[in-house]
């Protein structure tokens, strides 16, 4: 199983980023998928989830209305569109195959700063 995140970077407050997660080694369209994050000095935080058919999406209250999770089952890829970013969104972002992030990629760093 491989999960490879990309798209992180340095962005100013109020800015936007799109994260991607390329997956392989398992049947992507059989699994709910998740984004979790870890801010500096803190534990893993569940951010968003999406079901197989993209008909159910849920978000943490802290990102609701600003983040959008999506997936492309043909490409075995998960996405996270992030807008109106704040410094509190600074974290290492992981895609995961479970809500606790037990099976996750190496992460992509998002830094929100002036």
C-alpha atoms as a PDB file:
ATOM      1  CA  UNK A   1       0.000   0.000   0.000  1.00  0.00           C
ATOM      2  CA  UNK A   2       1.338   3.421  -0.969  1.00  0.00           C
ATOM      3  CA  UNK A   3      -0.087   6.846  -0.264  1.00  0.00           C
ATOM      4  CA  UNK A   4       1.891   9.794  -1.635  1.00  0.00           C
ATOM      5  CA  UNK A   5       0.796  13.311  -0.776  1.00  0.00           C
ATOM      6  CA  UNK A   6       1.834  16.421  -2.687  1.00  0.00           C
ATOM      7  CA  UNK A   7       0.866  20.050  -3.141  1.00  0.00           C
ATOM      8  CA  UNK A   8       1.890  21.547   0.163  1.00  0.00           C
ATOM      9  CA  UNK A   9       3.883  24.723   0.504  1.00  0.00           C
ATOM     10  CA  UNK A  10       4.087  28.188   1.990  1.00  0.00           C
ATOM     11  CA  UNK A  11       0.989  30.331   1.547  1.00  0.00           C
ATOM     12  CA  UNK A  12      -0.135  33.635   2.997  1.00  0.00           C
ATOM     13  CA  UNK A  13      -3.185  33.873   5.259  1.00  0.00           C
ATOM     14  CA  UNK A  14      -6.308  33.912   3.131  1.00  0.00           C
ATOM     15  CA  UNK A  15      -4.630  31.920   0.400  1.00  0.00           C
ATOM     16  CA  UNK A  16      -5.477  28.576  -1.152  1.00  0.00           C
ATOM     17  CA  UNK A  17      -3.799  25.274  -1.859  1.00  0.00           C
ATOM     18  CA  UNK A  18      -4.790  21.993  -3.452  1.00  0.00           C
ATOM     19  CA  UNK A  19      -3.356  18.828  -2.001  1.00  0.00           C
ATOM     20  CA  UNK A  20      -3.244  15.532  -3.885  1.00  0.00           C
ATOM     21  CA  UNK A  21      -2.719  11.980  -2.718  1.00  0.00           C
ATOM     22  CA  UNK A  22      -1.754   9.343  -5.252  1.00  0.00           C
ATOM     23  CA  UNK A  23      -2.471   5.827  -4.079  1.00  0.00           C
ATOM     24  CA  UNK A  24      -1.484   2.337  -5.168  1.00  0.00           C
ATOM     25  CA  UNK A  25      -1.349  -1.206  -3.868  1.00  0.00           C
ATOM     26  CA  UNK A  26      -4.999  -1.501  -2.907  1.00  0.00           C
ATOM     27  CA  UNK A  27      -8.421  -1.184  -4.512  1.00  0.00           C
ATOM     28  CA  UNK A  28      -8.960   2.548  -4.042  1.00  0.00           C
ATOM     29  CA  UNK A  29     -12.642   2.516  -4.971  1.00  0.00           C
ATOM     30  CA  UNK A  30     -13.397   0.042  -2.182  1.00  0.00           C
ATOM     31  CA  UNK A  31     -12.373   2.388   0.632  1.00  0.00           C
ATOM     32  CA  UNK A  32     -13.540   5.541   2.329  1.00  0.00           C
ATOM     33  CA  UNK A  33     -10.588   7.919   2.366  1.00  0.00           C
ATOM     34  CA  UNK A  34      -9.474  10.493   4.901  1.00  0.00           C
ATOM     35  CA  UNK A  35      -7.322  13.541   5.404  1.00  0.00           C
ATOM     36  CA  UNK A  36      -5.681  14.017   8.774  1.00  0.00           C
ATOM     37  CA  UNK A  37      -3.154  16.607   9.886  1.00  0.00           C
ATOM     38  CA  UNK A  38      -0.584  17.164  12.584  1.00  0.00           C
ATOM     39  CA  UNK A  39       0.248  20.675  13.679  1.00  0.00           C
ATOM     40  CA  UNK A  40       3.649  21.368  15.267  1.00  0.00           C
ATOM     41  CA  UNK A  41       3.748  19.901  18.756  1.00  0.00           C
ATOM     42  CA  UNK A  42       0.256  18.414  18.529  1.00  0.00           C
ATOM     43  CA  UNK A  43      -1.329  15.054  17.817  1.00  0.00           C
ATOM     44  CA  UNK A  44      -3.063  13.835  14.683  1.00  0.00           C
ATOM     45  CA  UNK A  45      -6.337  15.582  13.895  1.00  0.00           C
ATOM     46  CA  UNK A  46      -9.009  14.204  11.586  1.00  0.00           C
ATOM     47  CA  UNK A  47      -9.807  16.805   8.906  1.00  0.00           C
ATOM     48  CA  UNK A  48     -12.133  15.307   6.303  1.00  0.00           C
ATOM     49  CA  UNK A  49     -13.495  12.094   4.870  1.00  0.00           C
ATOM     50  CA  UNK A  50     -15.210  10.949   1.714  1.00  0.00           C
ATOM     51  CA  UNK A  51     -17.035   7.769   0.813  1.00  0.00           C
ATOM     52  CA  UNK A  52     -16.405   5.593  -2.211  1.00  0.00           C
ATOM     53  CA  UNK A  53     -18.990   7.224  -4.454  1.00  0.00           C
ATOM     54  CA  UNK A  54     -18.293  10.803  -3.281  1.00  0.00           C
ATOM     55  CA  UNK A  55     -21.888  11.082  -2.077  1.00  0.00           C
ATOM     56  CA  UNK A  56     -20.911  11.535   1.576  1.00  0.00           C
ATOM     57  CA  UNK A  57     -18.310  14.024   2.799  1.00  0.00           C
ATOM     58  CA  UNK A  58     -17.676  15.165   6.337  1.00  0.00           C
ATOM     59  CA  UNK A  59     -15.402  17.816   7.766  1.00  0.00           C
ATOM     60  CA  UNK A  60     -13.968  18.864  11.081  1.00  0.00           C
ATOM     61  CA  UNK A  61     -15.661  21.993  12.401  1.00  0.00           C
ATOM     62  CA  UNK A  62     -12.358  23.851  12.150  1.00  0.00           C
ATOM     63  CA  UNK A  63     -12.257  23.504   8.351  1.00  0.00           C
ATOM     64  CA  UNK A  64     -15.937  23.298   7.410  1.00  0.00           C
ATOM     65  CA  UNK A  65     -16.819  25.748   4.667  1.00  0.00           C
ATOM     66  CA  UNK A  66     -13.167  26.281   3.717  1.00  0.00           C
ATOM     67  CA  UNK A  67     -11.931  22.807   2.718  1.00  0.00           C
ATOM     68  CA  UNK A  68     -13.358  20.443   0.120  1.00  0.00           C
ATOM     69  CA  UNK A  69     -12.425  16.783  -0.155  1.00  0.00           C
ATOM     70  CA  UNK A  70     -12.814  14.962  -3.459  1.00  0.00           C
ATOM     71  CA  UNK A  71     -11.589  11.866  -5.222  1.00  0.00           C
ATOM     72  CA  UNK A  72     -11.021  10.504  -8.696  1.00  0.00           C
ATOM     73  CA  UNK A  73     -11.485   6.747  -8.588  1.00  0.00           C
ATOM     74  CA  UNK A  74     -10.242   6.369 -12.162  1.00  0.00           C
ATOM     75  CA  UNK A  75      -6.929   7.914 -11.108  1.00  0.00           C
ATOM     76  CA  UNK A  76      -6.797   6.379  -7.611  1.00  0.00           C
ATOM     77  CA  UNK A  77      -6.263   9.881  -6.274  1.00  0.00           C
ATOM     78  CA  UNK A  78      -7.633  11.841  -3.335  1.00  0.00           C
ATOM     79  CA  UNK A  79      -7.716  15.649  -3.185  1.00  0.00           C
ATOM     80  CA  UNK A  80      -8.133  18.387  -0.613  1.00  0.00           C
ATOM     81  CA  UNK A  81      -8.948  21.888  -1.781  1.00  0.00           C
ATOM     82  CA  UNK A  82      -8.151  24.394   0.937  1.00  0.00           C
ATOM     83  CA  UNK A  83      -9.147  28.039   0.871  1.00  0.00           C
ATOM     84  CA  UNK A  84      -9.142  30.999   3.240  1.00  0.00           C
ATOM     85  CA  UNK A  85      -6.196  29.433   5.028  1.00  0.00           C
ATOM     86  CA  UNK A  86      -5.157  30.677   8.456  1.00  0.00           C
ATOM     87  CA  UNK A  87      -1.966  30.177  10.473  1.00  0.00           C
ATOM     88  CA  UNK A  88      -3.892  27.593  12.515  1.00  0.00           C
ATOM     89  CA  UNK A  89      -4.001  25.406   9.406  1.00  0.00           C
ATOM     90  CA  UNK A  90      -0.221  25.058   9.449  1.00  0.00           C
ATOM     91  CA  UNK A  91       0.457  21.332   9.710  1.00  0.00           C
ATOM     92  CA  UNK A  92       1.732  18.211   8.047  1.00  0.00           C
ATOM     93  CA  UNK A  93      -1.199  16.892   6.019  1.00  0.00           C
ATOM     94  CA  UNK A  94      -1.647  13.180   5.442  1.00  0.00           C
ATOM     95  CA  UNK A  95      -4.065  11.169   3.414  1.00  0.00           C
ATOM     96  CA  UNK A  96      -5.105   8.001   5.160  1.00  0.00           C
ATOM     97  CA  UNK A  97      -7.141   4.882   4.683  1.00  0.00           C
ATOM     98  CA  UNK A  98      -8.632   5.124   8.164  1.00  0.00           C
ATOM     99  CA  UNK A  99      -9.905   7.999  10.274  1.00  0.00           C
ATOM    100  CA  UNK A 100      -7.151   7.690  12.876  1.00  0.00           C
ATOM    101  CA  UNK A 101      -4.411   7.931  10.264  1.00  0.00           C
ATOM    102  CA  UNK A 102      -2.944   4.562  11.154  1.00  0.00           C
ATOM    103  CA  UNK A 103      -2.269   3.811   7.474  1.00  0.00           C
ATOM    104  CA  UNK A 104      -1.101   7.083   5.959  1.00  0.00           C
ATOM    105  CA  UNK A 105       1.461   8.552   3.628  1.00  0.00           C
ATOM    106  CA  UNK A 106       4.565  10.561   4.419  1.00  0.00           C
ATOM    107  CA  UNK A 107       2.642  13.818   4.462  1.00  0.00           C
ATOM    108  CA  UNK A 108       2.939  17.188   2.770  1.00  0.00           C
ATOM    109  CA  UNK A 109       3.721  20.320   4.766  1.00  0.00           C
ATOM    110  CA  UNK A 110       1.405  23.293   4.637  1.00  0.00           C
ATOM    111  CA  UNK A 111       2.712  26.501   6.175  1.00  0.00           C
ATOM    112  CA  UNK A 112       0.424  29.512   6.420  1.00  0.00           C
ATOM    113  CA  UNK A 113       2.398  32.641   7.217  1.00  0.00           C
ATOM    114  CA  UNK A 114       3.071  36.166   6.059  1.00  0.00           C
END
